[in-house]
Protein backbone atom coordinates (compact mmCIF):
# COMPACT_ATOMS: atom_id res chain seq x y z
CA UNK A 1 -22.18 -9.34 -5.87
CA UNK A 2 -25.50 -11.08 -6.39
CA UNK A 3 -25.69 -14.74 -7.43
CA UNK A 4 -26.64 -13.62 -10.95
CA UNK A 5 -23.59 -11.35 -11.18
CA UNK A 6 -21.30 -14.10 -9.95
CA UNK A 7 -22.74 -16.53 -12.48
CA UNK A 8 -22.09 -14.03 -15.26
CA UNK A 9 -18.44 -13.98 -14.22
CA UNK A 10 -18.34 -17.77 -13.85
CA UNK A 11 -16.16 -18.53 -16.92
CA UNK A 12 -13.68 -15.77 -16.05
CA UNK A 13 -13.56 -16.89 -12.41
CA UNK A 14 -13.05 -20.52 -13.42
CA UNK A 15 -10.20 -19.61 -15.76
CA UNK A 16 -8.59 -17.41 -13.11
CA UNK A 17 -8.81 -19.99 -10.32
CA UNK A 18 -7.46 -22.61 -12.72
CA UNK A 19 -4.09 -20.85 -12.45
CA UNK A 20 -3.90 -22.13 -8.86
CA UNK A 21 -4.71 -25.78 -9.64
CA UNK A 22 -1.19 -27.06 -8.98
CA UNK A 23 -1.26 -25.56 -5.47
CA UNK A 24 -3.75 -28.28 -4.45
CA UNK A 25 -3.31 -32.06 -4.39
CA UNK A 26 -6.92 -33.01 -5.11
CA UNK A 27 -9.76 -31.75 -7.27
CA UNK A 28 -11.99 -31.66 -4.20
CA UNK A 29 -9.71 -29.14 -2.48
CA UNK A 30 -9.52 -27.07 -5.66
CA UNK A 31 -13.32 -26.99 -5.64
CA UNK A 32 -13.33 -25.67 -2.10
CA UNK A 33 -11.17 -22.75 -3.23
CA UNK A 34 -13.94 -21.79 -5.62
CA UNK A 35 -16.55 -22.22 -2.85
CA UNK A 36 -14.57 -19.90 -0.58
CA UNK A 37 -13.87 -17.25 -3.23
CA UNK A 38 -17.50 -17.33 -4.41
CA UNK A 39 -18.61 -16.77 -0.82
CA UNK A 40 -16.29 -13.79 -0.49
CA UNK A 41 -17.56 -12.29 -3.75
CA UNK A 42 -21.20 -12.74 -2.73
CA UNK A 43 -23.50 -10.22 -1.10
CA UNK A 44 -23.57 -12.12 2.20
CA UNK A 45 -23.51 -9.59 5.06
CA UNK A 46 -20.87 -11.66 6.87
CA UNK A 47 -18.18 -13.68 5.10
CA UNK A 48 -17.38 -16.23 7.80
CA UNK A 49 -17.22 -19.97 7.10
CA UNK A 50 -20.77 -20.96 8.08
CA UNK A 51 -22.76 -18.59 5.81
CA UNK A 52 -20.31 -19.15 2.93
CA UNK A 53 -20.65 -22.92 3.34
CA UNK A 54 -24.46 -22.60 3.32
CA UNK A 55 -24.24 -20.59 0.10
CA UNK A 56 -22.05 -23.26 -1.50
CA UNK A 57 -24.25 -26.10 -0.24
CA UNK A 58 -21.46 -27.83 1.69
CA UNK A 59 -21.13 -28.58 5.43
CA UNK A 60 -19.39 -25.78 7.35
CA UNK A 61 -16.80 -28.26 8.56
CA UNK A 62 -15.74 -28.76 4.94
CA UNK A 63 -14.59 -25.16 4.56
CA UNK A 64 -13.13 -25.19 8.06
CA UNK A 65 -10.97 -28.16 7.08
CA UNK A 66 -10.09 -26.44 3.80
CA UNK A 67 -8.38 -23.75 5.88
CA UNK A 68 -6.94 -25.88 8.65
CA UNK A 69 -6.41 -29.50 7.56
CA UNK A 70 -6.49 -29.82 3.76
CA UNK A 71 -3.15 -30.47 2.10
CA UNK A 72 -2.36 -27.48 -0.09
CA UNK A 73 0.60 -25.19 -0.56
CA UNK A 74 -0.45 -21.71 0.53
CA UNK A 75 3.09 -20.37 -0.03
CA UNK A 76 2.93 -21.50 -3.65
CA UNK A 77 -0.49 -19.88 -4.03
CA UNK A 78 0.90 -16.58 -2.71
CA UNK A 79 3.78 -16.80 -5.18
CA UNK A 80 1.27 -17.47 -7.96
CA UNK A 81 -0.60 -14.26 -7.11
CA UNK A 82 2.67 -12.36 -7.52
CA UNK A 83 3.51 -14.21 -10.74
CA UNK A 84 0.16 -13.21 -12.26
CA UNK A 85 0.74 -9.57 -11.32
CA UNK A 86 4.25 -9.73 -12.80
CA UNK A 87 3.01 -11.34 -16.02
CA UNK A 88 -0.15 -9.33 -16.69
CA UNK A 89 0.21 -6.03 -14.82
CA UNK A 90 3.89 -5.12 -14.95
CA UNK A 91 4.66 -1.41 -14.76
CA UNK A 92 8.27 -0.15 -14.65
CA UNK A 93 7.18 2.67 -12.33
CA UNK A 94 4.83 0.59 -10.13
CA UNK A 95 4.57 1.61 -6.49
CA UNK A 96 4.90 -0.92 -3.67
CA UNK A 97 3.00 0.26 -0.59
CA UNK A 98 3.55 -1.05 2.93
CA UNK A 99 0.82 -0.81 5.56
CA UNK A 100 -0.67 -2.69 8.49
CA UNK A 101 -4.16 -3.41 9.72
CA UNK A 102 -5.93 -4.58 12.89
CA UNK A 103 -8.70 -7.15 13.13
CA UNK A 104 -10.71 -7.06 16.39
CA UNK A 105 -11.16 -10.45 18.06
CA UNK A 106 -12.66 -11.64 21.33
CA UNK A 107 -10.81 -13.82 23.80
CA UNK A 108 -7.17 -14.82 23.85
CA UNK A 109 -7.15 -18.03 21.77
CA UNK A 110 -6.86 -16.66 18.22
CA UNK A 111 -3.29 -16.91 16.98
CA UNK A 112 -1.26 -13.72 17.63
CA UNK A 113 -4.09 -11.81 19.33
CA UNK A 114 -3.27 -9.25 22.01
CA UNK A 115 -4.39 -5.85 23.27
CA UNK A 116 -2.80 -3.20 21.06
CA UNK A 117 -3.77 -0.18 19.02
CA UNK A 118 -6.30 -1.22 16.37
CA UNK A 119 -6.88 1.16 13.47
CA UNK A 120 -10.15 -0.63 12.71
CA UNK A 121 -11.68 0.55 15.98
CA UNK A 122 -9.42 3.58 16.55
CA UNK A 123 -8.41 2.55 20.08
CA UNK A 124 -6.44 0.04 22.14
CA UNK A 125 -8.34 -3.18 21.52
CA UNK A 126 -8.04 -6.95 21.48
CA UNK A 127 -6.99 -7.64 17.92
CA UNK A 128 -4.78 -9.46 15.46
CA UNK A 129 -2.34 -7.33 13.44
CA UNK A 130 -1.39 -8.02 9.83
CA UNK A 131 1.33 -6.44 7.67
CA UNK A 132 0.55 -5.86 3.99
CA UNK A 133 2.36 -5.16 0.75
CA UNK A 134 0.20 -3.69 -2.01
CA UNK A 135 1.01 -3.10 -5.67
CA UNK A 136 -0.25 -0.06 -7.57
CA UNK A 137 0.43 0.99 -11.13
CA UNK A 138 2.02 4.42 -11.51
CA UNK A 139 -1.34 5.92 -12.48
CA UNK A 140 -3.03 4.13 -9.53
CA UNK A 141 -5.56 2.66 -11.98
CA UNK A 142 -4.66 -0.92 -11.02
CA UNK A 143 -4.06 -1.93 -7.43
CA UNK A 144 -4.02 -5.23 -5.60
CA UNK A 145 -2.57 -6.89 -2.52
CA UNK A 146 0.66 -8.83 -3.06
CA UNK A 147 1.43 -10.20 0.39
CA UNK A 148 -0.08 -10.37 3.86
CA UNK A 149 1.65 -11.58 7.00
CA UNK A 150 0.63 -12.14 10.60
CA UNK A 151 2.45 -10.07 13.20
CA UNK A 152 3.57 -12.23 16.14
CA UNK A 153 3.61 -10.09 19.32
CA UNK A 154 6.45 -10.49 21.79
CA UNK A 155 4.06 -11.96 24.37
CA UNK A 156 3.51 -14.89 21.98
CA UNK A 157 7.24 -15.57 21.81
CA UNK A 158 8.14 -16.02 25.46
CA UNK A 159 10.31 -18.82 26.81
CA UNK A 160 7.96 -19.88 29.59
CA UNK A 161 5.70 -22.91 29.61
CA UNK A 162 2.55 -20.76 29.32
CA UNK A 163 3.77 -19.12 26.11
CA UNK A 164 4.84 -22.49 24.67
CA UNK A 165 1.43 -24.00 25.43
CA UNK A 166 -0.33 -21.01 23.88
CA UNK A 167 1.71 -21.37 20.69
CA UNK A 168 1.11 -25.12 20.57
CA UNK A 169 -2.67 -24.76 20.91
CA UNK A 170 -2.74 -22.06 18.20
CA UNK A 171 -0.39 -24.15 16.00
CA UNK A 172 2.15 -21.37 15.59
CA UNK A 173 5.11 -22.98 13.75
CA UNK A 174 8.33 -23.36 15.69
CA UNK A 175 10.28 -21.21 13.24
CA UNK A 176 7.83 -18.30 13.48
CA UNK A 177 8.88 -15.72 16.05
CA UNK A 178 8.41 -12.08 16.98
CA UNK A 179 9.81 -9.63 14.45
CA UNK A 180 9.22 -5.89 14.17
CA UNK A 181 6.63 -5.05 11.53
CA UNK A 182 9.24 -3.31 9.37
CA UNK A 183 11.23 -6.57 9.18
CA UNK A 184 8.11 -8.40 8.00
CA UNK A 185 7.61 -5.70 5.36
CA UNK A 186 11.21 -5.99 4.15
CA UNK A 187 10.82 -9.77 3.85
CA UNK A 188 7.66 -9.27 1.80
CA UNK A 189 9.46 -6.87 -0.53
CA UNK A 190 12.40 -9.26 -0.97
CA UNK A 191 10.04 -12.15 -1.70
CA UNK A 192 8.05 -10.18 -4.30
CA UNK A 193 11.26 -9.03 -5.98
CA UNK A 194 12.55 -12.62 -6.00
CA UNK A 195 9.29 -13.58 -7.74
CA UNK A 196 10.04 -11.06 -10.47
CA UNK A 197 7.80 -8.21 -9.33
CA UNK A 198 9.59 -4.92 -10.03
CA UNK A 199 8.82 -1.80 -8.05
CA UNK A 200 9.77 1.56 -9.44
CA UNK A 201 9.15 2.94 -5.95
CA UNK A 202 8.24 1.90 -2.42
CA UNK A 203 6.35 4.09 0.02
CA UNK A 204 5.09 3.76 3.59
CA UNK A 205 3.80 5.91 6.45
CA UNK A 206 5.91 7.73 9.00
CA UNK A 207 6.09 4.77 11.43
CA UNK A 208 8.17 2.90 8.85
CA UNK A 209 9.97 6.03 7.64
CA UNK A 210 11.20 6.64 11.19
CA UNK A 211 12.90 3.23 11.38
CA UNK A 212 16.57 3.48 10.29
CA UNK A 213 16.72 -0.31 9.77
CA UNK A 214 13.81 -0.11 7.31
CA UNK A 215 15.47 2.68 5.32
CA UNK A 216 18.77 0.78 5.36
CA UNK A 217 17.00 -2.39 4.21
CA UNK A 218 15.55 -0.60 1.18
CA UNK A 219 18.96 0.85 0.36
CA UNK A 220 20.58 -2.59 0.57
CA UNK A 221 18.04 -3.82 -2.00
CA UNK A 222 18.76 -0.84 -4.23
CA UNK A 223 15.07 0.01 -4.00
CA UNK A 224 14.04 3.64 -4.69
CA UNK A 225 11.66 4.94 -2.03
CA UNK A 226 9.67 7.92 -0.81
CA UNK A 227 8.74 7.50 2.86
CA UNK A 228 6.72 9.81 5.04
CA UNK A 229 8.76 10.79 8.09
CA UNK A 230 7.93 12.52 11.37
CA UNK A 231 8.28 16.28 11.48
CA UNK A 232 10.76 15.75 14.30
CA UNK A 233 13.19 13.70 12.17
CA UNK A 234 16.63 15.17 12.90
CA UNK A 235 19.30 15.89 10.34
CA UNK A 236 21.16 18.52 8.34
CA UNK A 237 20.46 20.44 5.14
CA UNK A 238 24.23 20.52 4.50
CA UNK A 239 26.80 17.76 4.80
CA UNK A 240 28.20 18.05 8.35
CA UNK A 241 31.87 17.73 9.20
CA UNK A 242 31.13 15.22 11.97
CA UNK A 243 28.11 13.20 13.15
CA UNK A 244 28.05 15.04 16.49
CA UNK A 245 27.36 18.40 14.82
CA UNK A 246 24.03 19.83 16.09
CA UNK A 247 21.04 18.66 14.07
CA UNK A 248 17.67 20.26 13.37
CA UNK A 249 14.17 18.82 13.07
CA UNK A 250 12.69 18.48 9.61
CA UNK A 251 10.00 21.09 10.28
CA UNK A 252 12.60 23.57 11.60
CA UNK A 253 14.77 23.09 8.53
CA UNK A 254 11.78 23.84 6.34
CA UNK A 255 11.08 27.05 8.25
CA UNK A 256 14.61 28.37 8.75
CA UNK A 257 17.22 26.67 6.55
CA UNK A 258 18.26 28.71 3.47
CA UNK A 259 18.04 25.48 1.47
CA UNK A 260 14.26 25.71 1.96
CA UNK A 261 13.59 29.40 2.56
CA UNK A 262 15.39 30.23 -0.70
CA UNK A 263 12.60 28.41 -2.58
CA UNK A 264 8.97 29.29 -3.15
CA UNK A 265 6.25 26.77 -2.48
CA UNK A 266 5.28 25.22 -5.83
CA UNK A 267 1.69 23.96 -6.23
CA UNK A 268 0.84 20.58 -7.79
CA UNK A 269 -2.53 19.18 -8.76
CA UNK A 270 -2.91 15.82 -7.00
CA UNK A 271 -6.36 14.64 -8.07
CA UNK A 272 -9.94 15.75 -8.54
CA UNK A 273 -12.45 15.06 -5.80
CA UNK A 274 -16.20 15.59 -5.46
CA UNK A 275 -15.35 18.91 -3.75
CA UNK A 276 -12.97 20.08 -6.46
CA UNK A 277 -9.29 19.69 -7.30
CA UNK A 278 -6.93 18.60 -4.53
CA UNK A 279 -3.82 20.76 -4.72
CA UNK A 280 -0.70 20.44 -2.59
CA UNK A 281 2.37 22.62 -2.66
CA UNK A 282 5.87 21.37 -1.96
CA UNK A 283 9.56 22.18 -1.81
CA UNK A 284 12.58 19.92 -1.34
CA UNK A 285 16.27 20.12 -0.50
CA UNK A 286 19.24 17.80 0.19
CA UNK A 287 19.28 16.16 3.62
CA UNK A 288 21.79 14.19 5.68
CA UNK A 289 21.17 12.06 8.77
CA UNK A 290 23.13 10.25 11.46
CA UNK A 291 22.90 6.45 11.54
CA UNK A 292 25.03 4.17 13.65
CA UNK A 293 27.45 6.95 14.52
CA UNK A 294 28.01 7.89 10.87
CA UNK A 295 26.67 10.58 8.56
CA UNK A 296 24.54 9.09 5.79
CA UNK A 297 23.23 10.88 2.72
CA UNK A 298 22.55 12.85 0.74
CA UNK A 299 18.85 12.13 0.80
CA UNK A 300 16.09 14.44 -0.32
CA UNK A 301 13.76 15.92 2.26
CA UNK A 302 10.46 17.17 0.88
CA UNK A 303 7.94 19.28 2.75
CA UNK A 304 4.37 19.32 1.41
CA UNK A 305 1.16 20.98 2.54
CA UNK A 306 -2.45 21.21 1.43
CA UNK A 307 -3.08 24.64 -0.10
CA UNK A 308 -6.55 24.76 1.48
CA UNK A 309 -5.17 23.78 4.89
CA UNK A 310 -1.49 24.80 5.20
CA UNK A 311 -1.44 23.43 8.72
CA UNK A 312 -1.84 19.97 7.21
CA UNK A 313 1.80 19.34 6.39
CA UNK A 314 3.72 16.17 5.60
CA UNK A 315 7.42 15.45 5.33
CA UNK A 316 8.94 12.85 3.03
CA UNK A 317 12.37 11.27 2.75
CA UNK A 318 13.65 10.03 -0.60
CA UNK A 319 16.93 8.48 -1.68
CA UNK A 320 16.42 9.65 -5.28
CA UNK A 321 18.09 13.06 -5.03
CA UNK A 322 17.79 14.00 -8.69
CA UNK A 323 14.11 13.24 -9.21
CA UNK A 324 11.66 16.15 -9.68
CA UNK A 325 9.41 17.06 -6.78
CA UNK A 326 6.30 16.31 -8.85
CA UNK A 327 7.41 12.65 -9.01
CA UNK A 328 8.34 12.21 -5.35
CA UNK A 329 5.15 13.99 -4.28
CA UNK A 330 3.08 11.61 -6.40
CA UNK A 331 4.77 8.60 -4.78
CA UNK A 332 4.54 10.03 -1.27
CA UNK A 333 0.82 10.74 -1.65
CA UNK A 334 0.12 7.32 -3.19
CA UNK A 335 -0.49 5.41 0.02
CA UNK A 336 -4.25 5.55 -0.50
CA UNK A 337 -4.31 2.49 -2.85
CA UNK A 338 -3.30 0.15 -0.01
CA UNK A 339 -5.88 1.79 2.26
CA UNK A 340 -8.49 1.24 -0.44
CA UNK A 341 -7.36 -2.38 -0.91
CA UNK A 342 -7.82 -2.96 2.81
CA UNK A 343 -11.19 -1.22 2.80
CA UNK A 344 -12.39 -3.36 -0.10
CA UNK A 345 -11.07 -6.54 1.47
CA UNK A 346 -12.75 -5.74 4.79
CA UNK A 347 -16.10 -4.39 3.60
CA UNK A 348 -16.56 -6.49 0.48
CA UNK A 349 -14.56 -9.69 0.99
CA UNK A 350 -14.71 -10.27 4.75
CA UNK A 351 -11.00 -9.91 5.49
CA UNK A 352 -11.67 -9.45 9.24
CA UNK A 353 -14.59 -11.90 9.42
CA UNK A 354 -12.46 -14.98 10.07
CA UNK A 355 -13.45 -17.02 13.10
CA UNK A 356 -10.67 -19.61 12.87
CA UNK A 357 -8.09 -19.57 15.65
CA UNK A 358 -5.16 -21.63 14.36
CA UNK A 359 -2.20 -19.86 12.80
CA UNK A 360 -2.21 -21.82 9.49
CA UNK A 361 -5.97 -21.32 9.04
CA UNK A 362 -5.76 -17.56 9.63
CA UNK A 363 -2.85 -17.31 7.20
CA UNK A 364 -4.77 -19.24 4.53
CA UNK A 365 -7.84 -17.05 4.99
CA UNK A 366 -5.69 -13.96 4.43
CA UNK A 367 -4.21 -15.51 1.30
CA UNK A 368 -7.54 -16.56 -0.23
CA UNK A 369 -8.77 -13.01 0.37
CA UNK A 370 -5.79 -11.79 -1.69
CA UNK A 371 -6.80 -14.18 -4.48
CA UNK A 372 -10.38 -12.88 -4.40
CA UNK A 373 -9.15 -9.29 -4.45
CA UNK A 374 -6.83 -9.90 -7.40
CA UNK A 375 -9.77 -11.33 -9.37
CA UNK A 376 -11.85 -8.23 -8.64
CA UNK A 377 -8.96 -5.93 -9.57
CA UNK A 378 -8.50 -7.73 -12.89
CA UNK A 379 -12.23 -7.66 -13.67
CA UNK A 380 -12.34 -3.95 -12.86
CA UNK A 381 -9.51 -3.34 -15.30
CA UNK A 382 -11.25 -5.45 -17.95
CA UNK A 383 -14.59 -3.66 -17.51
CA UNK A 384 -12.84 -0.34 -17.90
CA UNK A 385 -11.47 -1.56 -21.20
CA UNK A 386 -7.95 -0.51 -20.30
CA UNK A 387 -8.97 3.16 -20.41
CA UNK A 388 -7.84 5.70 -17.90
CA UNK A 389 -10.29 6.21 -15.11
CA UNK A 390 -10.66 9.37 -13.08
CA UNK A 391 -13.99 10.07 -11.43
CA UNK A 392 -14.94 6.53 -10.38
CA UNK A 393 -12.16 4.82 -8.46
CA UNK A 394 -13.59 1.68 -6.95
CA UNK A 395 -13.82 -2.07 -7.24
CA UNK A 396 -17.16 -3.63 -8.24
CA UNK A 397 -18.10 -4.62 -4.70
CA UNK A 398 -21.05 -6.84 -3.85
CA UNK A 399 -22.92 -4.10 -2.00
CA UNK A 400 -22.73 -1.57 -4.81
CA UNK A 401 -20.81 0.97 -2.74
CA UNK A 402 -18.68 3.41 -4.69
CA UNK A 403 -15.56 5.07 -3.34
CA UNK A 404 -14.07 8.51 -3.82
CA UNK A 405 -12.46 9.62 -7.03
CA UNK A 406 -8.91 8.38 -7.37
CA UNK A 407 -5.64 9.72 -8.65
CA UNK A 408 -5.62 11.22 -12.12
CA UNK A 409 -2.12 10.00 -12.88
CA UNK A 410 -1.97 8.87 -16.47
CA UNK A 411 1.72 7.97 -16.44
CA UNK A 412 2.40 9.01 -20.06
CA UNK A 413 6.11 9.70 -19.85
CA UNK A 414 5.65 10.88 -16.29
CA UNK A 415 7.71 8.20 -14.63
CA UNK A 416 10.78 8.91 -12.56
CA UNK A 417 13.73 10.28 -14.54
CA UNK A 418 17.33 9.32 -13.98
CA UNK A 419 18.71 10.50 -10.66
CA UNK A 420 21.06 13.49 -10.63
CA UNK A 421 23.09 15.31 -8.04
CA UNK A 422 21.52 17.84 -5.68
CA UNK A 423 22.47 21.48 -5.56
CA UNK A 424 22.09 24.06 -2.82
CA UNK A 425 19.21 26.40 -2.17
CA UNK A 426 16.77 26.04 -5.03
CA UNK A 427 15.79 22.44 -5.68
CA UNK A 428 17.80 21.38 -8.76
CA UNK A 429 15.50 18.47 -9.54
CA UNK A 430 12.83 20.92 -10.65
CA UNK A 431 15.14 22.99 -12.84
CA UNK A 432 13.82 21.32 -15.97
CA UNK A 433 10.27 22.29 -15.05
CA UNK A 434 11.33 25.92 -14.68
CA UNK A 435 13.22 25.99 -17.96
CA UNK A 436 10.32 24.44 -19.84
CA UNK A 437 7.85 27.03 -18.59
CA UNK A 438 4.10 26.59 -18.28
CA UNK A 439 3.42 27.60 -21.87
CA UNK A 440 5.43 24.59 -23.10
CA UNK A 441 3.88 22.02 -20.83
CA UNK A 442 2.03 19.10 -22.44
CA UNK A 443 -0.34 19.06 -19.47
CA UNK A 444 -3.64 20.89 -19.46
CA UNK A 445 -4.39 23.29 -16.59
CA UNK A 446 -6.96 22.03 -14.15
CA UNK A 447 -9.97 24.30 -13.66
CA UNK A 448 -10.11 25.79 -10.21
CA UNK A 449 -12.96 24.71 -7.98
CA UNK A 450 -15.29 27.69 -7.46
CA UNK A 451 -15.49 29.06 -3.96
CA UNK A 452 -12.85 26.75 -2.49
CA UNK A 453 -10.10 29.30 -2.19
CA UNK A 454 -7.60 27.67 -4.53
CA UNK A 455 -4.75 29.93 -5.69
CA UNK A 456 -5.38 31.91 -8.85
CA UNK A 457 -2.07 30.84 -10.37
CA UNK A 458 -2.26 27.66 -12.45
CA UNK A 459 -0.56 24.85 -10.49
CA UNK A 460 1.94 22.50 -12.06
CA UNK A 461 -0.06 19.34 -12.61
CA UNK A 462 1.11 16.27 -10.79
CA UNK A 463 -0.63 14.18 -13.43
CA UNK A 464 -2.14 14.83 -16.87
CA UNK A 465 -5.93 15.16 -16.85
CA UNK A 466 -7.98 12.16 -17.97
CA UNK A 467 -11.55 11.59 -19.00
CA UNK A 468 -13.81 9.71 -16.62
CA UNK A 469 -15.09 6.43 -17.98
CA UNK A 470 -18.18 4.87 -16.43
CA UNK A 471 -18.24 1.14 -15.86
C-alpha cells in the first residue's frame, strides 16, 4: 500500500491494533507494533527492519529491540489473534488448514536453519521451516493465519557441546525441542480449539495424511477431517477379519474394487477460473486401515480427478462416513486458502524477509506478520461489504497484484450434514442427491467453457453460483 492508502486506513488500523494493547507493558512498545505493521503494509520492496525503521523515522536498532529485547507477551498476542477470529468471523463449518513453508537463509546462525527441501526455491536449500494453521470460512471468502511455529530440526537438538552452544547463541529456549511437523500442527489445533476457535473441518496435504499419529490425534480431539493421502495408502474396502489380511493400495481399490467400480464418476463444479469452470469428478467408498496391529475404521476413501486431465488424480481420507461427496470434495480441495495466505504474507508483508537470528525474534516476526495479515483480511471483508465474492479473490496488497479467482462456495445450507453409516457399492452418502434429482436442485447449472472439452452433462455443483463484486 502507498502512504496515502495507509493513512486512509489509519483509524481502522489504530482501533485494530488497540486490541493488542495489554500484550505490551509500555506505550512505547505498543507504538513500535504500529511501526512494524505499517512497514509491512507499505509498498517497500523489502520488509526487513532497516527500511521499515527508515519509513517510521526511528533508528533500526529500535525495531530490532522490539523483536528481541522488548518486554511483551507474544503468546498472548497470538491468542488475541485467535480470539478476534472467534469473536468476529466464527463459522460453524470453518476449515482449518495445515501447511508448512520454507524461508531461504544464508549461513548457519539463524535459529533452526538447516539444509532441507524448501518449497520457496523448489530444491534442497539452506532454510528455516515454519508450520502454519490457517482458518477459512466454508465459502473461502474469509481466510487468515491463526498460528505459526518454528520447526526445530533434529540437528539443533543434539546432546553434544556444539549443539548446546548453537542453541545458546540462537537463544532457543531449553524447553523447545525437535518434534515432527505433524505434532506441531496438532498442538496448534489444540491451542486454537482451547481459545474457542471451532473448526467444522480440518484438511492437510498427503504428507500429513500419511502420518497415522496425525490422523489418530485428530480423532482423539473429535475433529472431523478430510486429508489428502498418497495413492499407495494401503487398506481394505471391506472390513477384514484380521489385520494381517492382504491389503490393496488406494489407487488399486479405485480401479478394481466393486465398492468403486460399481459407481459412476460424478462431476462437481469446483470454481470458475479465467480459463473457464474447474470441474472435478469423484467417487467414494468405505475404507479400513491397519494401525498399531489393529484394524481401524470405517473411514471414507474418496478418489477425485480433473475432468480435463483425468491423469491428475487425488485421494482423500475422511472420518465422516455419512457426509456427501460434494462436501468432502469441497474440504479436500480447500487447501488453496493457506497457500494464498502464505503467498500474501511473503509477497506483500515480507514474511521471509526477516534478518534476525535469535529464536524469540524470529517467532515475534512471524506473529506480527499474522497480525498484519488479519488486518488485511478484515479490511478486505469490509470493502466487499459482506457480499459473496467470486471473480476477484485476493487481498488488497501494496503492489496492486491480483490473484486468481477463488472458490464460489456460498455456504447457504451447504455445510456438512449429520454423519450416517456407509453402505456397500454405491456411495450411500450421495443417495439424497440422487433422490432429489437435478430438476429439484436449488443450484443453478454452470455454463460450460467453450472449447475446453468439459462434459456435456450438467455437473452437480459443488457450490451455488455467486455474482462477482468488484472492490
